[in-house]
Amino acid sequence: MTNTDESLFERYQSVRRQSLKICEPLEIEDYVVQPMDSTSPPKWHLAHITWFFEIFILRQYLPGYRLYNAAFDVLFNSYYNGVGEQHPRPKRGLLSRPTLKEILAYRRSVDVQMQTLLSNECSEDLVFRLVLGLNHEQQHQELIFTDLKYNLGNNPLYPAYHDLQTENSQTEDQQPVPQLEFDHYSGGVHKVGRSKPSSPLDFAFDNESPQHGVFLQDYELANRLVTNAEFLEFIRDDGYQRPELWLSDAWSLMKNQQHWQHPLYWHEIDGNFSEYSLAGSHPLNLSAPVCHVSGYEADAYARWKGMRLPTEQEWEVAASGHDIEGNFVESGSLHPQPCARGSKQFFGDVWEWTQSSYCPYPGFKVFTGELGEYNGKFMANQWVLRGGSCVTPQSHVRATYRNFFYPADRWQFSGIRLARDVGQ
């Protein structure tokens, strides 16, 4: 593919700049902290997404390319066993060296070499890897926000990442949301998933394909996300103390290890709840979507309501009829916002838990070569989430996009949409 107008490199530059922009408000101390094994320090993210372009593109397509630092091949390899060894994930926060200054120099060096490579004619495979790398970097941009929030949100000072004054502190009366109602969707055979891309620029992850037919019964989905006020009713009805509402694994985890009493980042003082957001601690906005709940909590809430979570196929069929519009990272709020009149909230605000296990579609094939480790090997013991969140880039999301996390995970911007069978 010819790249005469440098559009590929311009696209590359745009995504790469965004990663640095996200980090602009940080202090030097923020770049190294790793508050739990599942998160990574911002400095590691900046290095890893650079490593991806170096290993999977420059090393293979730029003649004579030499690795910037051979040690980085291990330090910033996330989970690619086909590439080589990795530094233990729980110990990423112990890497005081290389310094942030060195990591930024590494990024600049790789960017210069990428410009050289992309100034020439590019094969379809190279373009595919480039677009995959950019989507990969967008995933890590979201992870920088979620991991950083877990760091700052567990700091007793509750420091703010940014000073944006959002609507989060307004009251429910000031922010009425549409009444919770249910929309009917017809059953039958529906097509889900992505058809074969028409070109490398028409990107989709391997786990979104192939497109295939699924049979659904008639079903109903809520016209918006569950709010903080609605979830608060579950708490006050002793939802966290009622074993009949919880899956066995969830009950055991909650009672023996996690001791959950409310969503992550909620704090109760004298019977009133506050919530930590990236803008700091503030009174709980009862009209905003409940956020940072695990799949287990989402499932228990749905049971308490006498309903259920949607399957990922039900969600996709319903969402496919809507534009990709909503509260994404571009809004700058970095926090879920109350449902606007006329919106169904299918996209943005929070990733929506489904009841579907993360597994391959019929006929699924992983990306070829070492990139085959990207998604397929994680298809065990995880649940699918759909729709994107308030820290997801809008261009990154589509109705077929399949996110996945373990059902106990809460540090992602994850929330709840209710489903029910017709006649329920």
Protein backbone atom coordinates (compact mmCIF):
# COMPACT_ATOMS: atom_id res chain seq x y z
CA MET A 1 0.00 0.00 0.00
CA THR A 2 1.36 3.40 -0.98
CA ASN A 3 1.64 6.01 1.72
CA THR A 4 2.30 9.11 -0.34
CA ASP A 5 0.28 11.50 1.82
CA GLU A 6 1.87 10.31 5.07
CA SER A 7 -1.62 9.60 6.40
CA LEU A 8 -0.47 6.44 8.14
CA PHE A 9 2.23 8.27 10.07
CA GLU A 10 -0.13 11.11 10.88
CA ARG A 11 -2.54 8.58 12.33
CA TYR A 12 0.34 7.00 14.23
CA GLN A 13 1.45 10.37 15.61
CA SER A 14 -2.07 11.30 16.72
CA VAL A 15 -2.50 8.17 18.83
CA ARG A 16 1.02 8.36 20.25
CA ARG A 17 0.59 12.00 21.30
CA GLN A 18 -2.58 11.13 23.18
CA SER A 19 -0.70 8.74 25.47
CA LEU A 20 1.67 11.53 26.48
CA LYS A 21 -1.19 13.99 26.86
CA ILE A 22 -2.89 11.66 29.34
CA CYS A 23 0.26 11.71 31.45
CA GLU A 24 0.74 15.50 31.45
CA PRO A 25 -1.01 16.08 34.83
CA LEU A 26 1.13 13.45 36.58
CA GLU A 27 3.92 14.12 39.03
CA ILE A 28 7.13 12.12 38.69
CA GLU A 29 6.17 9.97 41.70
CA ASP A 30 2.94 8.87 39.99
CA TYR A 31 4.77 7.13 37.14
CA VAL A 32 6.13 4.22 39.20
CA VAL A 33 3.40 3.26 41.69
CA GLN A 34 1.74 -0.15 41.25
CA PRO A 35 -0.94 -0.55 43.95
CA MET A 36 -1.98 -4.12 43.03
CA ASP A 37 -0.80 -6.98 40.84
CA SER A 38 -3.46 -6.42 38.15
CA THR A 39 -2.45 -2.81 37.50
CA SER A 40 0.71 -1.35 35.96
CA PRO A 41 2.53 1.95 36.54
CA PRO A 42 2.08 4.65 33.86
CA LYS A 43 5.79 4.45 33.06
CA TRP A 44 5.48 0.76 32.24
CA HIS A 45 2.49 1.40 29.97
CA LEU A 46 4.42 4.07 28.03
CA ALA A 47 7.31 1.66 27.54
CA HIS A 48 5.23 -1.40 26.69
CA ILE A 49 3.21 0.24 23.93
CA THR A 50 6.51 1.43 22.44
CA TRP A 51 7.95 -2.07 22.76
CA PHE A 52 4.98 -3.37 20.76
CA PHE A 53 5.85 -1.24 17.72
CA GLU A 54 9.55 -2.04 18.04
CA ILE A 55 9.14 -5.82 18.31
CA PHE A 56 6.24 -6.49 15.98
CA ILE A 57 6.94 -3.88 13.30
CA LEU A 58 10.40 -2.28 13.30
CA ARG A 59 12.34 -5.47 14.04
CA GLN A 60 10.59 -7.26 11.21
CA TYR A 61 10.13 -4.58 8.54
CA LEU A 62 12.93 -2.01 8.85
CA PRO A 63 16.11 -3.41 7.31
CA GLY A 64 19.10 -3.24 9.64
CA TYR A 65 17.05 -2.20 12.66
CA ARG A 66 18.79 -2.78 16.00
CA LEU A 67 16.89 -2.98 19.28
CA TYR A 68 17.06 0.20 21.33
CA ASN A 69 17.99 -1.79 24.45
CA ALA A 70 18.00 -5.58 24.47
CA ALA A 71 16.99 -5.61 28.16
CA PHE A 72 13.71 -3.89 27.26
CA ASP A 73 12.76 -7.04 25.32
CA VAL A 74 12.13 -8.71 28.70
CA LEU A 75 11.17 -5.74 30.90
CA PHE A 76 8.30 -4.55 28.69
CA ASN A 77 7.02 -7.80 27.21
CA SER A 78 3.55 -8.21 28.71
CA TYR A 79 2.55 -11.82 28.02
CA TYR A 80 3.97 -12.87 24.64
CA ASN A 81 5.62 -16.20 25.39
CA GLY A 82 6.43 -16.62 21.71
CA VAL A 83 8.62 -13.52 21.90
CA GLY A 84 10.49 -14.51 25.05
CA GLU A 85 10.66 -14.08 28.82
CA GLN A 86 8.84 -11.36 30.76
CA HIS A 87 9.54 -9.40 33.91
CA PRO A 88 7.02 -10.59 36.56
CA ARG A 89 3.84 -8.54 36.33
CA PRO A 90 3.47 -7.97 40.11
CA LYS A 91 6.97 -6.44 40.17
CA ARG A 92 6.56 -3.78 37.49
CA GLY A 93 6.29 -1.12 40.18
CA LEU A 94 9.78 -2.01 41.43
CA LEU A 95 11.39 -0.82 38.20
CA SER A 96 12.76 2.56 39.28
CA ARG A 97 15.15 2.15 36.36
CA PRO A 98 15.01 2.75 33.46
CA THR A 99 13.96 6.24 34.44
CA LEU A 100 11.02 8.10 32.96
CA LYS A 101 13.52 10.22 31.04
CA GLU A 102 14.95 7.07 29.47
CA ILE A 103 11.50 5.73 28.62
CA LEU A 104 10.57 8.97 26.86
CA ALA A 105 13.84 8.83 24.90
CA TYR A 106 12.96 5.26 23.93
CA ARG A 107 9.57 6.41 22.65
CA ARG A 108 11.13 9.22 20.60
CA SER A 109 13.66 6.85 19.06
CA VAL A 110 11.02 4.34 18.01
CA ASP A 111 8.81 7.14 16.63
CA VAL A 112 11.65 8.40 14.44
CA GLN A 113 12.26 4.91 13.07
CA MET A 114 8.55 4.41 12.47
CA GLN A 115 8.44 7.62 10.45
CA THR A 116 11.28 6.30 8.30
CA LEU A 117 9.49 3.01 7.78
CA LEU A 118 6.09 4.54 7.00
CA SER A 119 7.53 7.03 4.50
CA ASN A 120 7.99 4.13 2.08
CA GLU A 121 5.52 1.79 0.44
CA CYS A 122 3.87 -0.40 3.07
CA SER A 123 2.70 -3.97 2.64
CA GLU A 124 -0.79 -4.97 3.74
CA ASP A 125 0.67 -6.99 6.61
CA LEU A 126 2.68 -3.99 7.83
CA VAL A 127 -0.42 -1.77 7.72
CA PHE A 128 -2.41 -4.42 9.58
CA ARG A 129 0.22 -4.56 12.31
CA LEU A 130 0.34 -0.77 12.50
CA VAL A 131 -3.43 -0.45 12.92
CA LEU A 132 -3.41 -3.28 15.46
CA GLY A 133 -0.63 -1.45 17.34
CA LEU A 134 -2.64 1.78 17.39
CA ASN A 135 -5.71 -0.02 18.73
CA HIS A 136 -3.45 -1.70 21.26
CA GLU A 137 -2.12 1.69 22.36
CA GLN A 138 -5.68 2.99 22.75
CA GLN A 139 -6.41 0.04 25.03
CA HIS A 140 -3.42 1.01 27.17
CA GLN A 141 -4.51 4.64 27.23
CA GLU A 142 -7.68 3.46 28.93
CA LEU A 143 -5.63 1.26 31.26
CA ILE A 144 -3.47 4.23 32.26
CA PHE A 145 -6.63 5.96 33.48
CA THR A 146 -8.02 2.93 35.29
CA ASP A 147 -4.71 1.95 36.88
CA LEU A 148 -3.93 5.53 37.87
CA LYS A 149 -7.39 5.90 39.42
CA TYR A 150 -6.76 2.80 41.52
CA ASN A 151 -3.48 4.32 42.69
CA LEU A 152 -4.89 7.76 43.52
CA GLY A 153 -8.21 6.41 44.79
CA ASN A 154 -6.45 4.28 47.38
CA ASN A 155 -4.36 7.20 48.58
CA PRO A 156 -5.86 8.56 51.85
CA LEU A 157 -5.47 12.09 50.47
CA TYR A 158 -7.79 11.25 47.52
CA PRO A 159 -5.76 13.48 45.19
CA ALA A 160 -7.35 14.69 41.96
CA TYR A 161 -5.86 13.77 38.61
CA HIS A 162 -7.48 16.85 37.07
CA ASP A 163 -9.39 19.88 38.30
CA LEU A 164 -12.32 19.67 35.89
CA GLN A 165 -15.55 20.68 37.59
CA THR A 166 -18.05 18.06 36.45
CA GLU A 167 -21.71 17.61 37.24
CA ASN A 168 -20.93 14.83 39.68
CA SER A 169 -21.78 16.82 42.82
CA GLN A 170 -25.24 17.91 41.63
CA THR A 171 -28.28 16.33 43.19
CA GLU A 172 -30.69 13.86 41.68
CA ASP A 173 -33.41 16.51 41.55
CA GLN A 174 -31.17 18.71 39.42
CA GLN A 175 -30.38 15.81 37.08
CA PRO A 176 -33.50 13.76 36.42
CA VAL A 177 -32.92 10.63 34.36
CA PRO A 178 -35.46 8.86 32.16
CA GLN A 179 -37.75 6.45 33.99
CA LEU A 180 -36.44 2.90 33.84
CA GLU A 181 -38.36 1.13 31.11
CA PHE A 182 -37.75 -1.91 28.93
CA ASP A 183 -37.47 -2.05 25.15
CA HIS A 184 -38.63 -5.16 23.32
CA TYR A 185 -36.35 -6.95 20.87
CA SER A 186 -37.58 -9.71 18.60
CA GLY A 187 -36.04 -13.13 18.69
CA GLY A 188 -35.08 -15.34 15.79
CA VAL A 189 -31.78 -15.73 13.96
CA HIS A 190 -29.56 -12.64 14.11
CA LYS A 191 -26.09 -12.04 12.73
CA VAL A 192 -23.43 -10.97 15.24
CA GLY A 193 -19.69 -10.40 14.98
CA ARG A 194 -17.60 -8.83 12.27
CA SER A 195 -17.46 -9.95 8.68
CA LYS A 196 -14.05 -10.25 7.05
CA PRO A 197 -12.42 -6.77 6.91
CA SER A 198 -12.28 -5.24 3.44
CA SER A 199 -8.76 -3.86 4.02
CA PRO A 200 -6.13 -3.61 6.80
CA LEU A 201 -7.57 -0.19 7.66
CA ASP A 202 -10.99 -1.74 8.28
CA PHE A 203 -9.81 -3.11 11.59
CA ALA A 204 -11.39 -5.52 14.05
CA PHE A 205 -9.81 -7.72 16.70
CA ASP A 206 -9.68 -11.44 15.98
CA ASN A 207 -12.14 -12.22 18.79
CA GLU A 208 -14.88 -10.25 16.97
CA SER A 209 -14.95 -12.66 14.05
CA PRO A 210 -16.28 -14.44 12.17
CA GLN A 211 -19.76 -13.05 11.69
CA HIS A 212 -22.25 -15.79 12.41
CA GLY A 213 -25.91 -16.41 13.12
CA VAL A 214 -27.31 -16.86 16.63
CA PHE A 215 -30.83 -17.76 17.68
CA LEU A 216 -32.39 -15.53 20.33
CA GLN A 217 -35.69 -15.69 22.14
CA ASP A 218 -37.67 -12.46 22.38
CA TYR A 219 -36.12 -10.34 25.13
CA GLU A 220 -36.20 -6.92 26.73
CA LEU A 221 -33.37 -4.57 27.71
CA ALA A 222 -33.50 -1.58 30.02
CA ASN A 223 -33.58 1.77 28.25
CA ARG A 224 -30.60 3.04 30.28
CA LEU A 225 -27.93 1.99 32.77
CA VAL A 226 -28.57 1.32 36.46
CA THR A 227 -27.98 4.46 38.54
CA ASN A 228 -26.24 5.00 41.86
CA ALA A 229 -29.62 5.68 43.48
CA GLU A 230 -30.98 2.35 42.28
CA PHE A 231 -27.92 0.46 43.43
CA LEU A 232 -28.11 2.20 46.80
CA GLU A 233 -31.54 0.60 47.28
CA PHE A 234 -29.87 -2.81 46.84
CA ILE A 235 -27.32 -1.93 49.54
CA ARG A 236 -29.98 -0.70 51.97
CA ASP A 237 -31.98 -3.88 51.41
CA ASP A 238 -28.97 -5.85 52.71
CA GLY A 239 -28.05 -6.99 49.20
CA TYR A 240 -24.46 -7.67 50.25
CA GLN A 241 -25.61 -9.87 53.15
CA ARG A 242 -28.07 -12.14 51.30
CA PRO A 243 -26.40 -15.33 50.02
CA GLU A 244 -29.40 -16.28 47.85
CA LEU A 245 -28.50 -13.41 45.52
CA TRP A 246 -24.90 -14.40 44.93
CA LEU A 247 -23.12 -17.02 42.86
CA SER A 248 -21.20 -19.44 45.06
CA ASP A 249 -17.76 -18.23 43.98
CA ALA A 250 -18.87 -14.63 44.45
CA TRP A 251 -20.20 -15.21 47.96
CA SER A 252 -17.04 -17.03 49.02
CA LEU A 253 -14.80 -14.32 47.58
CA MET A 254 -16.81 -11.48 49.06
CA LYS A 255 -17.15 -12.90 52.55
CA ASN A 256 -13.74 -14.53 52.96
CA GLN A 257 -11.42 -12.17 51.10
CA GLN A 258 -12.85 -8.94 49.72
CA HIS A 259 -15.53 -7.99 52.27
CA TRP A 260 -17.41 -5.83 49.76
CA GLN A 261 -20.14 -3.59 51.14
CA HIS A 262 -20.55 -1.15 48.23
CA PRO A 263 -18.95 -0.35 44.85
CA LEU A 264 -15.29 0.45 44.64
CA TYR A 265 -14.47 4.14 45.36
CA TRP A 266 -17.62 4.68 47.45
CA HIS A 267 -17.04 5.91 51.01
CA GLU A 268 -19.72 6.08 53.71
CA ILE A 269 -19.57 8.80 56.36
CA ASP A 270 -22.45 9.21 58.84
CA GLY A 271 -24.80 7.34 56.53
CA ASN A 272 -23.99 9.43 53.47
CA PHE A 273 -21.93 8.24 50.55
CA SER A 274 -19.19 10.06 48.70
CA GLU A 275 -17.37 8.78 45.63
CA TYR A 276 -13.81 9.18 44.40
CA SER A 277 -13.41 10.18 40.77
CA LEU A 278 -10.37 11.40 38.87
CA ALA A 279 -11.52 14.90 39.84
CA GLY A 280 -11.24 14.00 43.54
CA SER A 281 -13.74 12.97 46.19
CA HIS A 282 -17.30 14.36 45.91
CA PRO A 283 -20.83 13.61 47.15
CA LEU A 284 -22.35 10.65 45.34
CA ASN A 285 -24.34 11.71 42.29
CA LEU A 286 -27.45 9.57 42.62
CA SER A 287 -28.39 10.08 38.96
CA ALA A 288 -25.11 8.87 37.49
CA PRO A 289 -24.63 5.24 36.41
CA VAL A 290 -23.27 2.97 39.11
CA CYS A 291 -19.65 2.25 38.27
CA HIS A 292 -16.74 0.06 39.39
CA VAL A 293 -18.88 -2.94 40.24
CA SER A 294 -17.72 -6.47 39.55
CA GLY A 295 -19.56 -8.90 37.35
CA TYR A 296 -20.54 -10.71 40.52
CA GLU A 297 -22.11 -7.55 41.96
CA ALA A 298 -23.87 -6.83 38.68
CA ASP A 299 -25.28 -10.36 38.63
CA ALA A 300 -26.42 -10.15 42.28
CA TYR A 301 -28.13 -6.81 41.66
CA ALA A 302 -29.98 -8.23 38.66
CA ARG A 303 -31.14 -11.21 40.73
CA TRP A 304 -32.32 -8.84 43.46
CA LYS A 305 -34.43 -7.06 40.83
CA GLY A 306 -35.83 -10.40 39.66
CA MET A 307 -34.08 -9.94 36.34
CA ARG A 308 -30.76 -10.87 34.74
CA LEU A 309 -27.79 -9.53 32.83
CA PRO A 310 -28.04 -9.55 29.02
CA THR A 311 -26.09 -12.00 26.93
CA GLU A 312 -23.46 -10.38 24.74
CA GLN A 313 -25.45 -11.38 21.66
CA GLU A 314 -28.60 -9.69 22.98
CA TRP A 315 -26.59 -6.56 23.75
CA GLU A 316 -24.98 -6.47 20.29
CA VAL A 317 -28.26 -6.93 18.40
CA ALA A 318 -29.82 -4.09 20.39
CA ALA A 319 -26.83 -1.75 20.19
CA SER A 320 -26.21 -2.27 16.47
CA GLY A 321 -29.12 0.00 15.67
CA HIS A 322 -27.55 2.98 17.43
CA ASP A 323 -24.78 5.42 16.50
CA ILE A 324 -21.48 5.26 18.37
CA GLU A 325 -22.29 8.26 20.52
CA GLY A 326 -21.94 8.85 24.24
CA ASN A 327 -19.68 9.98 27.05
CA PHE A 328 -16.20 8.92 25.93
CA VAL A 329 -12.75 10.14 26.93
CA GLU A 330 -13.08 13.05 24.49
CA SER A 331 -15.74 14.64 26.72
CA GLY A 332 -13.09 15.28 29.36
CA SER A 333 -15.36 14.30 32.25
CA LEU A 334 -13.53 11.00 32.89
CA HIS A 335 -16.54 9.87 34.90
CA PRO A 336 -19.96 8.39 34.05
CA GLN A 337 -22.69 10.98 33.53
CA PRO A 338 -26.48 10.78 34.04
CA CYS A 339 -28.45 9.51 31.08
CA ALA A 340 -29.52 12.31 28.78
CA ARG A 341 -33.05 12.37 27.46
CA GLY A 342 -33.27 10.38 24.24
CA SER A 343 -30.10 8.39 24.95
CA LYS A 344 -29.99 4.64 25.58
CA GLN A 345 -26.41 4.81 26.94
CA PHE A 346 -25.29 1.83 24.86
CA PHE A 347 -21.90 3.43 24.25
CA GLY A 348 -19.62 5.27 26.66
CA ASP A 349 -20.02 5.96 30.38
CA VAL A 350 -19.36 2.39 31.61
CA TRP A 351 -18.47 -0.99 30.17
CA GLU A 352 -21.59 -3.13 30.57
CA TRP A 353 -21.28 -6.57 32.13
CA THR A 354 -22.97 -9.39 30.24
CA GLN A 355 -23.66 -12.89 31.50
CA SER A 356 -21.65 -14.35 28.61
CA SER A 357 -18.42 -16.22 29.15
CA TYR A 358 -15.55 -15.01 27.00
CA CYS A 359 -15.17 -17.81 24.47
CA PRO A 360 -14.44 -18.21 20.75
CA TYR A 361 -17.05 -17.69 18.07
CA PRO A 362 -17.70 -20.63 15.72
CA GLY A 363 -14.85 -20.71 13.23
CA PHE A 364 -12.67 -18.35 15.30
CA LYS A 365 -9.06 -18.01 14.17
CA VAL A 366 -6.38 -16.12 16.06
CA PHE A 367 -4.07 -13.61 14.40
CA THR A 368 -1.18 -15.36 12.68
CA GLY A 369 2.24 -15.84 14.28
CA GLU A 370 3.25 -14.36 17.62
CA LEU A 371 0.26 -12.00 17.51
CA GLY A 372 -1.97 -15.04 17.95
CA GLU A 373 -1.41 -14.62 21.70
CA TYR A 374 -3.26 -11.28 21.67
CA ASN A 375 -6.75 -12.49 22.62
CA GLY A 376 -7.35 -16.19 22.12
CA LYS A 377 -5.36 -17.56 25.02
CA PHE A 378 -7.45 -15.59 27.53
CA MET A 379 -10.70 -17.36 26.61
CA ALA A 380 -11.19 -19.01 29.99
CA ASN A 381 -12.95 -17.92 33.19
CA GLN A 382 -13.69 -14.37 32.05
CA TRP A 383 -16.91 -12.50 31.22
CA VAL A 384 -17.63 -10.26 28.26
CA LEU A 385 -18.32 -6.53 28.65
CA ARG A 386 -19.67 -4.28 25.92
CA GLY A 387 -20.01 -0.62 24.95
CA GLY A 388 -16.94 1.31 26.08
CA SER A 389 -16.58 3.76 28.96
CA CYS A 390 -15.94 7.38 29.84
CA VAL A 391 -12.18 6.75 29.44
CA THR A 392 -12.41 4.88 26.13
CA PRO A 393 -11.49 6.69 22.90
CA GLN A 394 -14.65 7.00 20.81
CA SER A 395 -12.93 5.83 17.62
CA HIS A 396 -11.91 2.62 19.39
CA VAL A 397 -15.44 1.29 20.00
CA ARG A 398 -17.98 -0.50 17.80
CA ALA A 399 -21.01 -2.68 18.45
CA THR A 400 -19.01 -5.88 17.84
CA TYR A 401 -16.18 -4.96 20.26
CA ARG A 402 -15.70 -7.63 22.97
CA ASN A 403 -13.98 -6.54 26.16
CA PHE A 404 -13.31 -9.16 28.82
CA PHE A 405 -12.37 -9.28 32.49
CA TYR A 406 -12.64 -11.69 35.37
CA PRO A 407 -16.02 -11.38 37.11
CA ALA A 408 -14.33 -10.33 40.37
CA ASP A 409 -12.62 -7.31 38.76
CA ARG A 410 -13.87 -3.89 39.89
CA TRP A 411 -11.20 -1.36 39.01
CA GLN A 412 -12.42 -0.96 35.45
CA PHE A 413 -15.22 1.51 34.63
CA SER A 414 -17.86 -1.23 34.62
CA GLY A 415 -21.61 -0.99 35.23
CA ILE A 416 -24.99 -2.63 34.77
CA ARG A 417 -27.80 -2.84 32.21
CA LEU A 418 -30.75 -5.04 33.14
CA ALA A 419 -32.36 -7.62 30.88
CA ARG A 420 -35.43 -9.77 31.23
CA ASP A 421 -37.37 -12.39 29.35
CA VAL A 422 -40.56 -11.35 27.59
CA GLY A 423 -43.56 -11.70 29.88
CA GLN A 424 -41.43 -11.49 33.01
